[in-house]
Amino acid sequence: MLNLRKPETPAESPAKAPVTTQTQSILDRYPTPDTGRSNSSQPLRDSLIDDGPTDFVIGRGTRLKGEIDAQGDVIVEGEVEASIRAATMRIDAGGSVKGDAHVANAEIRGHFEGTLHVRECLTVCGDGDLAGSIRYGELKVDKGGRISGDVALVDGNSKTPLTQDVKPDADPE
């Protein structure tokens, strides 16, 4: 026969402290780390607020459709079909974006298809793949990176593109 009951424990001596069954809040169990900004007179809720921009991560296995307007960085590990406005966009290996993106800087390790406007630096890594209308201030392409479509350098002073069509299998000159 299988015994599923707990084994009996010996009775506790009265000298031991009583066990409290009062539940603690999550804030009691996991206190807020001291970031140097905390003030004991400041309410806890206000000390958790950070005024700076944060990353927006679309994780692996996640599909997102819509519009993203972020003050910080957008990191794509999943699939996105959206219009994106952010400081920086990073598409990781395995991630994909289909749509329109306007960012200051971009790093592409995955796949991008659509219209991409990068005001400063566009970096295409060795496993990156871009297709569509691409505008950039500065371009860095690692060996193996692929770009196809309408590609143009945007002059920093006049903001007019200097157009150059790039074919997928074109030999560099």
N, C-alpha and C. Protein backbone atom coordinates (compact mmCIF):
# COMPACT_ATOMS: atom_id res chain seq x y z
N MET A 1 0.84 -1.17 0.00
CA MET A 1 0.00 0.00 0.00
C MET A 1 0.88 1.24 0.00
N LEU A 2 0.48 2.24 -0.78
CA LEU A 2 1.23 3.48 -0.92
C LEU A 2 0.74 4.49 0.09
N ASN A 3 1.66 5.05 0.88
CA ASN A 3 1.30 6.03 1.90
C ASN A 3 1.58 7.42 1.35
N LEU A 4 0.54 8.23 1.13
CA LEU A 4 0.71 9.56 0.58
C LEU A 4 0.65 10.65 1.64
N ARG A 5 0.48 10.27 2.90
CA ARG A 5 0.42 11.28 3.96
C ARG A 5 1.81 11.74 4.34
N LYS A 6 1.90 12.98 4.83
CA LYS A 6 3.18 13.48 5.31
C LYS A 6 3.58 12.71 6.55
N PRO A 7 4.86 12.48 6.71
CA PRO A 7 5.28 11.82 7.95
C PRO A 7 5.01 12.75 9.14
N GLU A 8 4.66 12.17 10.23
CA GLU A 8 4.36 12.96 11.41
C GLU A 8 5.65 13.52 11.96
N THR A 9 5.58 14.78 12.40
CA THR A 9 6.75 15.44 12.98
C THR A 9 6.54 15.53 14.47
N PRO A 10 7.61 15.50 15.22
CA PRO A 10 7.46 15.60 16.67
C PRO A 10 6.91 16.98 17.04
N ALA A 11 6.20 17.05 18.13
CA ALA A 11 5.61 18.30 18.60
C ALA A 11 6.72 19.29 18.92
N GLU A 12 6.47 20.57 18.55
CA GLU A 12 7.47 21.59 18.80
C GLU A 12 7.46 21.98 20.27
N SER A 13 8.62 22.35 20.75
CA SER A 13 8.70 22.79 22.13
C SER A 13 8.16 24.20 22.24
N PRO A 14 7.57 24.57 23.35
CA PRO A 14 6.99 25.90 23.50
C PRO A 14 8.04 27.00 23.50
N ALA A 15 9.31 26.69 23.62
CA ALA A 15 10.36 27.70 23.66
C ALA A 15 10.61 28.33 22.29
N LYS A 16 10.24 27.63 21.20
CA LYS A 16 10.48 28.16 19.86
C LYS A 16 9.52 29.30 19.56
N ALA A 17 9.95 30.21 18.66
CA ALA A 17 9.11 31.35 18.28
C ALA A 17 7.93 30.85 17.48
N PRO A 18 6.78 31.48 17.64
CA PRO A 18 5.61 31.05 16.88
C PRO A 18 5.78 31.38 15.40
N VAL A 19 5.21 30.54 14.56
CA VAL A 19 5.29 30.73 13.12
C VAL A 19 4.15 31.65 12.71
N THR A 20 4.51 32.72 11.95
CA THR A 20 3.47 33.64 11.50
C THR A 20 2.96 33.19 10.15
N THR A 21 1.68 33.33 9.96
CA THR A 21 1.07 32.94 8.70
C THR A 21 0.65 34.16 7.90
N GLN A 22 1.12 35.33 8.32
CA GLN A 22 0.78 36.57 7.62
C GLN A 22 1.45 36.57 6.25
N THR A 23 0.70 36.89 5.21
CA THR A 23 1.26 36.93 3.87
C THR A 23 1.95 38.26 3.63
N GLN A 24 3.01 38.21 2.85
CA GLN A 24 3.75 39.41 2.53
C GLN A 24 3.40 39.84 1.12
N SER A 25 3.51 41.13 0.88
CA SER A 25 3.27 41.62 -0.47
C SER A 25 4.51 41.33 -1.32
N ILE A 26 4.35 41.45 -2.61
CA ILE A 26 5.47 41.23 -3.52
C ILE A 26 6.59 42.23 -3.27
N LEU A 27 6.23 43.45 -2.85
CA LEU A 27 7.25 44.47 -2.57
C LEU A 27 8.06 44.14 -1.34
N ASP A 28 7.46 43.42 -0.37
CA ASP A 28 8.19 43.00 0.81
C ASP A 28 9.16 41.87 0.49
N ARG A 29 8.72 40.96 -0.37
CA ARG A 29 9.56 39.81 -0.71
C ARG A 29 10.69 40.17 -1.66
N TYR A 30 10.43 41.10 -2.58
CA TYR A 30 11.43 41.49 -3.56
C TYR A 30 11.61 43.00 -3.50
N PRO A 31 12.42 43.50 -2.59
CA PRO A 31 12.55 44.95 -2.45
C PRO A 31 13.17 45.59 -3.68
N THR A 32 12.86 46.85 -3.85
CA THR A 32 13.38 47.60 -4.98
C THR A 32 14.88 47.84 -4.77
N PRO A 33 15.71 47.57 -5.80
CA PRO A 33 17.13 47.82 -5.65
C PRO A 33 17.40 49.31 -5.50
N ASP A 34 18.42 49.64 -4.72
CA ASP A 34 18.79 51.03 -4.51
C ASP A 34 19.56 51.51 -5.73
N THR A 35 19.00 52.46 -6.44
CA THR A 35 19.66 52.99 -7.64
C THR A 35 20.34 54.32 -7.38
N GLY A 36 20.37 54.72 -6.11
CA GLY A 36 21.00 56.00 -5.79
C GLY A 36 20.02 57.15 -5.91
N ARG A 37 18.83 56.89 -6.45
CA ARG A 37 17.83 57.93 -6.61
C ARG A 37 16.78 57.87 -5.53
N SER A 38 16.77 56.79 -4.75
CA SER A 38 15.68 56.61 -3.81
C SER A 38 15.81 57.59 -2.65
N ASN A 39 14.68 58.02 -2.17
CA ASN A 39 14.58 58.93 -1.06
C ASN A 39 13.50 58.37 -0.16
N SER A 40 13.78 58.26 1.14
CA SER A 40 12.82 57.61 2.02
C SER A 40 11.50 58.35 2.08
N SER A 41 11.49 59.66 1.81
CA SER A 41 10.23 60.39 1.82
C SER A 41 9.47 60.27 0.51
N GLN A 42 10.13 59.72 -0.51
CA GLN A 42 9.51 59.57 -1.83
C GLN A 42 8.70 58.28 -1.85
N PRO A 43 7.48 58.32 -2.35
CA PRO A 43 6.68 57.09 -2.42
C PRO A 43 7.36 56.04 -3.31
N LEU A 44 7.13 54.76 -3.00
CA LEU A 44 7.76 53.67 -3.75
C LEU A 44 7.39 53.71 -5.21
N ARG A 45 6.14 54.00 -5.53
CA ARG A 45 5.70 54.03 -6.92
C ARG A 45 6.50 55.03 -7.74
N ASP A 46 6.76 56.22 -7.18
CA ASP A 46 7.52 57.23 -7.90
C ASP A 46 8.98 56.84 -8.09
N SER A 47 9.54 56.08 -7.16
CA SER A 47 10.94 55.69 -7.28
C SER A 47 11.15 54.62 -8.35
N LEU A 48 10.07 53.94 -8.79
CA LEU A 48 10.18 52.93 -9.83
C LEU A 48 10.11 53.52 -11.23
N ILE A 49 9.70 54.77 -11.36
CA ILE A 49 9.54 55.41 -12.66
C ILE A 49 10.89 55.87 -13.17
N ASP A 50 11.21 55.49 -14.41
CA ASP A 50 12.44 55.89 -15.06
C ASP A 50 12.07 56.85 -16.19
N ASP A 51 12.69 57.99 -16.22
CA ASP A 51 12.35 59.00 -17.22
C ASP A 51 12.98 58.76 -18.58
N GLY A 52 13.99 57.88 -18.67
CA GLY A 52 14.69 57.66 -19.93
C GLY A 52 13.98 56.68 -20.83
N PRO A 53 14.36 56.66 -22.11
CA PRO A 53 13.75 55.71 -23.05
C PRO A 53 14.15 54.28 -22.73
N THR A 54 13.29 53.34 -23.11
CA THR A 54 13.55 51.93 -22.86
C THR A 54 13.51 51.15 -24.16
N ASP A 55 14.01 49.93 -24.12
CA ASP A 55 13.98 49.05 -25.27
C ASP A 55 12.59 48.42 -25.40
N PHE A 56 12.17 48.21 -26.64
CA PHE A 56 10.93 47.49 -26.93
C PHE A 56 11.36 46.24 -27.66
N VAL A 57 11.17 45.08 -27.05
CA VAL A 57 11.63 43.82 -27.60
C VAL A 57 10.45 42.99 -28.07
N ILE A 58 10.51 42.57 -29.34
CA ILE A 58 9.53 41.63 -29.88
C ILE A 58 10.24 40.29 -29.90
N GLY A 59 9.93 39.43 -28.96
CA GLY A 59 10.66 38.19 -28.74
C GLY A 59 10.41 37.13 -29.79
N ARG A 60 11.27 36.11 -29.76
CA ARG A 60 11.14 34.97 -30.67
C ARG A 60 9.77 34.33 -30.49
N GLY A 61 9.19 33.92 -31.60
CA GLY A 61 7.89 33.28 -31.56
C GLY A 61 6.73 34.26 -31.45
N THR A 62 7.02 35.55 -31.46
CA THR A 62 5.97 36.57 -31.35
C THR A 62 5.72 37.20 -32.70
N ARG A 63 4.44 37.39 -33.03
CA ARG A 63 4.05 38.09 -34.26
C ARG A 63 3.34 39.37 -33.85
N LEU A 64 3.73 40.46 -34.51
CA LEU A 64 3.16 41.76 -34.18
C LEU A 64 2.77 42.48 -35.46
N LYS A 65 1.54 43.00 -35.48
CA LYS A 65 1.07 43.80 -36.61
C LYS A 65 0.58 45.12 -36.05
N GLY A 66 0.91 46.21 -36.76
CA GLY A 66 0.41 47.50 -36.30
C GLY A 66 1.40 48.62 -36.50
N GLU A 67 1.51 49.47 -35.48
CA GLU A 67 2.36 50.64 -35.53
C GLU A 67 3.16 50.74 -34.24
N ILE A 68 4.47 50.97 -34.38
CA ILE A 68 5.35 51.09 -33.22
C ILE A 68 5.97 52.48 -33.26
N ASP A 69 5.78 53.24 -32.18
CA ASP A 69 6.39 54.56 -32.05
C ASP A 69 7.12 54.54 -30.72
N ALA A 70 8.44 54.35 -30.76
CA ALA A 70 9.23 54.17 -29.55
C ALA A 70 10.28 55.26 -29.42
N GLN A 71 10.48 55.72 -28.20
CA GLN A 71 11.52 56.71 -27.94
C GLN A 71 12.90 56.05 -27.89
N GLY A 72 12.96 54.80 -27.51
CA GLY A 72 14.22 54.08 -27.38
C GLY A 72 14.48 53.17 -28.55
N ASP A 73 15.00 51.99 -28.25
CA ASP A 73 15.39 51.02 -29.27
C ASP A 73 14.29 49.98 -29.46
N VAL A 74 14.13 49.54 -30.71
CA VAL A 74 13.23 48.45 -31.04
C VAL A 74 14.10 47.27 -31.43
N ILE A 75 13.92 46.15 -30.74
CA ILE A 75 14.70 44.94 -30.99
C ILE A 75 13.74 43.86 -31.46
N VAL A 76 13.96 43.36 -32.67
CA VAL A 76 13.05 42.39 -33.27
C VAL A 76 13.71 41.03 -33.33
N GLU A 77 13.12 40.08 -32.61
CA GLU A 77 13.56 38.69 -32.66
C GLU A 77 12.48 37.82 -33.30
N GLY A 78 11.27 38.34 -33.37
CA GLY A 78 10.13 37.62 -33.93
C GLY A 78 9.76 38.16 -35.29
N GLU A 79 8.44 38.17 -35.59
CA GLU A 79 7.95 38.64 -36.88
C GLU A 79 7.12 39.91 -36.67
N VAL A 80 7.45 40.95 -37.44
CA VAL A 80 6.76 42.23 -37.31
C VAL A 80 6.27 42.67 -38.68
N GLU A 81 5.01 43.07 -38.74
CA GLU A 81 4.45 43.70 -39.93
C GLU A 81 3.87 45.02 -39.43
N ALA A 82 4.68 46.10 -39.58
CA ALA A 82 4.28 47.34 -38.94
C ALA A 82 5.01 48.54 -39.52
N SER A 83 4.55 49.70 -39.09
CA SER A 83 5.23 50.96 -39.31
C SER A 83 6.01 51.23 -38.03
N ILE A 84 7.31 51.49 -38.16
CA ILE A 84 8.17 51.65 -36.98
C ILE A 84 8.84 53.02 -37.01
N ARG A 85 8.76 53.73 -35.89
CA ARG A 85 9.51 54.96 -35.66
C ARG A 85 10.21 54.78 -34.33
N ALA A 86 11.57 54.87 -34.37
CA ALA A 86 12.33 54.65 -33.15
C ALA A 86 13.71 55.28 -33.28
N ALA A 87 14.42 55.33 -32.17
CA ALA A 87 15.79 55.83 -32.20
C ALA A 87 16.68 54.83 -32.94
N THR A 88 16.58 53.57 -32.57
CA THR A 88 17.38 52.52 -33.18
C THR A 88 16.52 51.29 -33.39
N MET A 89 16.73 50.61 -34.51
CA MET A 89 16.05 49.35 -34.77
C MET A 89 17.11 48.28 -34.98
N ARG A 90 16.95 47.17 -34.28
CA ARG A 90 17.86 46.04 -34.47
C ARG A 90 17.01 44.81 -34.78
N ILE A 91 17.29 44.20 -35.93
CA ILE A 91 16.61 42.97 -36.30
C ILE A 91 17.61 41.85 -36.10
N ASP A 92 17.37 40.99 -35.12
CA ASP A 92 18.28 39.89 -34.82
C ASP A 92 18.10 38.76 -35.82
N ALA A 93 19.08 37.85 -35.86
CA ALA A 93 19.00 36.68 -36.73
C ALA A 93 17.72 35.92 -36.40
N GLY A 94 16.96 35.57 -37.41
CA GLY A 94 15.69 34.90 -37.21
C GLY A 94 14.52 35.86 -37.13
N GLY A 95 14.80 37.13 -36.93
CA GLY A 95 13.73 38.14 -36.86
C GLY A 95 13.44 38.69 -38.24
N SER A 96 12.22 39.20 -38.43
CA SER A 96 11.87 39.78 -39.72
C SER A 96 10.91 40.96 -39.52
N VAL A 97 11.09 41.95 -40.40
CA VAL A 97 10.22 43.12 -40.40
C VAL A 97 9.74 43.34 -41.81
N LYS A 98 8.43 43.54 -41.94
CA LYS A 98 7.84 43.88 -43.23
C LYS A 98 7.04 45.15 -42.98
N GLY A 99 7.41 46.22 -43.71
CA GLY A 99 6.69 47.47 -43.51
C GLY A 99 7.55 48.68 -43.79
N ASP A 100 7.32 49.71 -42.98
CA ASP A 100 7.95 51.00 -43.15
C ASP A 100 8.67 51.35 -41.85
N ALA A 101 9.95 51.74 -41.93
CA ALA A 101 10.69 52.08 -40.71
C ALA A 101 11.45 53.38 -40.91
N HIS A 102 11.35 54.27 -39.92
CA HIS A 102 12.09 55.53 -39.88
C HIS A 102 12.86 55.55 -38.57
N VAL A 103 14.18 55.41 -38.66
CA VAL A 103 15.02 55.33 -37.47
C VAL A 103 16.30 56.13 -37.67
N ALA A 104 16.98 56.44 -36.56
CA ALA A 104 18.27 57.11 -36.65
C ALA A 104 19.35 56.11 -37.04
N ASN A 105 19.35 54.93 -36.44
CA ASN A 105 20.34 53.90 -36.71
C ASN A 105 19.64 52.55 -36.81
N ALA A 106 20.21 51.66 -37.63
CA ALA A 106 19.63 50.31 -37.78
C ALA A 106 20.75 49.29 -37.92
N GLU A 107 20.53 48.14 -37.30
CA GLU A 107 21.44 47.00 -37.45
C GLU A 107 20.59 45.81 -37.89
N ILE A 108 20.91 45.25 -39.05
CA ILE A 108 20.10 44.19 -39.63
C ILE A 108 20.89 42.88 -39.63
N ARG A 109 20.40 41.90 -38.86
CA ARG A 109 20.95 40.55 -38.85
C ARG A 109 19.92 39.57 -39.40
N GLY A 110 18.69 39.99 -39.46
CA GLY A 110 17.59 39.17 -39.96
C GLY A 110 17.13 39.66 -41.32
N HIS A 111 15.81 39.72 -41.52
CA HIS A 111 15.24 40.08 -42.81
C HIS A 111 14.39 41.35 -42.68
N PHE A 112 14.56 42.27 -43.62
CA PHE A 112 13.73 43.47 -43.70
C PHE A 112 13.20 43.58 -45.12
N GLU A 113 11.89 43.86 -45.24
CA GLU A 113 11.28 44.07 -46.54
C GLU A 113 10.34 45.26 -46.44
N GLY A 114 10.56 46.26 -47.30
CA GLY A 114 9.69 47.44 -47.29
C GLY A 114 10.49 48.70 -47.52
N THR A 115 10.10 49.76 -46.82
CA THR A 115 10.75 51.06 -46.94
C THR A 115 11.51 51.34 -45.66
N LEU A 116 12.81 51.59 -45.79
CA LEU A 116 13.66 51.83 -44.64
C LEU A 116 14.37 53.16 -44.80
N HIS A 117 14.16 54.07 -43.86
CA HIS A 117 14.83 55.37 -43.83
C HIS A 117 15.70 55.41 -42.58
N VAL A 118 17.02 55.45 -42.78
CA VAL A 118 17.97 55.50 -41.68
C VAL A 118 18.71 56.83 -41.78
N ARG A 119 18.47 57.71 -40.83
CA ARG A 119 19.08 59.04 -40.89
C ARG A 119 20.59 59.01 -40.71
N GLU A 120 21.11 58.11 -39.89
CA GLU A 120 22.53 58.08 -39.61
C GLU A 120 23.18 56.84 -40.22
N CYS A 121 23.32 55.78 -39.44
CA CYS A 121 24.10 54.62 -39.91
C CYS A 121 23.24 53.36 -40.04
N LEU A 122 23.30 52.74 -41.21
CA LEU A 122 22.67 51.45 -41.48
C LEU A 122 23.76 50.40 -41.54
N THR A 123 23.67 49.40 -40.68
CA THR A 123 24.64 48.31 -40.64
C THR A 123 23.93 47.02 -41.05
N VAL A 124 24.44 46.38 -42.10
CA VAL A 124 23.91 45.10 -42.55
C VAL A 124 24.96 44.05 -42.22
N CYS A 125 24.63 43.17 -41.31
CA CYS A 125 25.57 42.13 -40.89
C CYS A 125 25.59 40.99 -41.91
N GLY A 126 26.49 40.05 -41.72
CA GLY A 126 26.69 38.97 -42.67
C GLY A 126 25.46 38.13 -42.94
N ASP A 127 24.57 38.02 -41.97
CA ASP A 127 23.35 37.24 -42.18
C ASP A 127 22.13 38.13 -42.40
N GLY A 128 22.35 39.42 -42.66
CA GLY A 128 21.27 40.37 -42.89
C GLY A 128 20.80 40.36 -44.34
N ASP A 129 19.51 40.65 -44.53
CA ASP A 129 18.90 40.64 -45.86
C ASP A 129 17.89 41.77 -45.93
N LEU A 130 18.11 42.73 -46.84
CA LEU A 130 17.20 43.86 -47.01
C LEU A 130 16.66 43.87 -48.42
N ALA A 131 15.39 44.20 -48.56
CA ALA A 131 14.77 44.33 -49.87
C ALA A 131 13.77 45.47 -49.82
N GLY A 132 13.79 46.32 -50.84
CA GLY A 132 12.82 47.41 -50.90
C GLY A 132 13.46 48.73 -51.20
N SER A 133 12.87 49.79 -50.68
CA SER A 133 13.38 51.14 -50.84
C SER A 133 14.17 51.51 -49.59
N ILE A 134 15.47 51.74 -49.77
CA ILE A 134 16.36 51.93 -48.63
C ILE A 134 17.07 53.27 -48.77
N ARG A 135 16.97 54.11 -47.73
CA ARG A 135 17.65 55.40 -47.67
C ARG A 135 18.51 55.39 -46.43
N TYR A 136 19.73 55.92 -46.53
CA TYR A 136 20.65 55.88 -45.40
C TYR A 136 21.59 57.07 -45.43
N GLY A 137 22.14 57.40 -44.27
CA GLY A 137 23.15 58.44 -44.16
C GLY A 137 24.54 57.86 -44.30
N GLU A 138 24.76 56.68 -43.72
CA GLU A 138 26.02 55.96 -43.80
C GLU A 138 25.68 54.48 -43.91
N LEU A 139 26.45 53.73 -44.69
CA LEU A 139 26.15 52.31 -44.92
C LEU A 139 27.36 51.46 -44.61
N LYS A 140 27.14 50.42 -43.80
CA LYS A 140 28.18 49.43 -43.49
C LYS A 140 27.59 48.06 -43.82
N VAL A 141 28.26 47.32 -44.69
CA VAL A 141 27.77 45.99 -45.06
C VAL A 141 28.88 44.98 -44.82
N ASP A 142 28.60 43.99 -43.97
CA ASP A 142 29.55 42.91 -43.73
C ASP A 142 29.50 41.92 -44.88
N LYS A 143 30.57 41.14 -45.04
CA LYS A 143 30.61 40.11 -46.06
C LYS A 143 29.44 39.15 -45.85
N GLY A 144 28.66 38.93 -46.91
CA GLY A 144 27.50 38.04 -46.84
C GLY A 144 26.19 38.79 -46.70
N GLY A 145 26.24 40.05 -46.30
CA GLY A 145 25.02 40.84 -46.18
C GLY A 145 24.42 41.11 -47.56
N ARG A 146 23.08 41.10 -47.66
CA ARG A 146 22.42 41.25 -48.96
C ARG A 146 21.48 42.45 -48.94
N ILE A 147 21.57 43.25 -50.02
CA ILE A 147 20.69 44.40 -50.20
C ILE A 147 20.18 44.37 -51.62
N SER A 148 18.85 44.51 -51.79
CA SER A 148 18.30 44.58 -53.14
C SER A 148 17.16 45.59 -53.15
N GLY A 149 17.01 46.25 -54.29
CA GLY A 149 15.94 47.23 -54.43
C GLY A 149 16.48 48.59 -54.78
N ASP A 150 15.75 49.62 -54.40
CA ASP A 150 16.11 51.01 -54.65
C ASP A 150 16.89 51.52 -53.43
N VAL A 151 18.20 51.68 -53.61
CA VAL A 151 19.07 52.06 -52.51
C VAL A 151 19.64 53.44 -52.80
N ALA A 152 19.58 54.34 -51.80
CA ALA A 152 20.07 55.69 -52.03
C ALA A 152 20.69 56.26 -50.76
N LEU A 153 21.79 56.98 -50.96
CA LEU A 153 22.44 57.73 -49.91
C LEU A 153 21.68 59.04 -49.76
N VAL A 154 21.34 59.39 -48.53
CA VAL A 154 20.67 60.65 -48.28
C VAL A 154 21.73 61.64 -47.84
N ASP A 155 21.87 62.73 -48.62
CA ASP A 155 22.83 63.77 -48.29
C ASP A 155 22.39 64.44 -47.00
N GLY A 156 23.29 64.53 -46.03
CA GLY A 156 22.97 65.08 -44.73
C GLY A 156 22.51 66.52 -44.77
N ASN A 157 23.00 67.33 -45.73
CA ASN A 157 22.63 68.74 -45.78
C ASN A 157 21.31 68.97 -46.49
N SER A 158 21.14 68.37 -47.65
CA SER A 158 19.95 68.65 -48.45
C SER A 158 18.83 67.64 -48.26
N LYS A 159 19.12 66.48 -47.65
CA LYS A 159 18.15 65.41 -47.44
C LYS A 159 17.57 64.88 -48.76
N THR A 160 18.28 65.07 -49.86
CA THR A 160 17.83 64.51 -51.13
C THR A 160 18.62 63.25 -51.42
N PRO A 161 17.94 62.21 -51.83
CA PRO A 161 18.65 60.95 -52.09
C PRO A 161 19.47 61.01 -53.38
N LEU A 162 20.62 60.41 -53.35
CA LEU A 162 21.44 60.20 -54.53
C LEU A 162 21.18 58.77 -54.95
N THR A 163 20.30 58.56 -55.92
CA THR A 163 19.75 57.24 -56.24
C THR A 163 20.77 56.32 -56.89
N GLN A 164 20.68 55.04 -56.51
CA GLN A 164 21.53 54.00 -57.09
C GLN A 164 20.76 52.69 -56.97
N ASP A 165 20.48 52.05 -58.11
CA ASP A 165 19.81 50.76 -58.08
C ASP A 165 20.83 49.67 -57.82
N VAL A 166 20.49 48.76 -56.91
CA VAL A 166 21.38 47.66 -56.59
C VAL A 166 20.68 46.38 -56.95
N LYS A 167 21.36 45.54 -57.71
CA LYS A 167 20.80 44.25 -58.10
C LYS A 167 21.31 43.20 -57.12
N PRO A 168 20.53 42.17 -56.83
CA PRO A 168 20.90 41.18 -55.83
C PRO A 168 22.25 40.51 -56.07
N ASP A 169 22.61 40.22 -57.30
CA ASP A 169 23.85 39.49 -57.57
C ASP A 169 24.87 40.37 -58.31
N ALA A 170 24.80 41.67 -58.12
CA ALA A 170 25.71 42.57 -58.83
C ALA A 170 27.12 42.45 -58.26
N ASP A 171 28.11 42.47 -59.13
CA ASP A 171 29.51 42.43 -58.70
C ASP A 171 29.94 43.82 -58.28
N PRO A 172 30.68 43.96 -57.17
CA PRO A 172 31.15 45.28 -56.77
C PRO A 172 32.21 45.77 -57.74
N GLU A 173 32.25 47.09 -57.95
CA GLU A 173 33.22 47.66 -58.89
C GLU A 173 34.48 48.06 -58.17
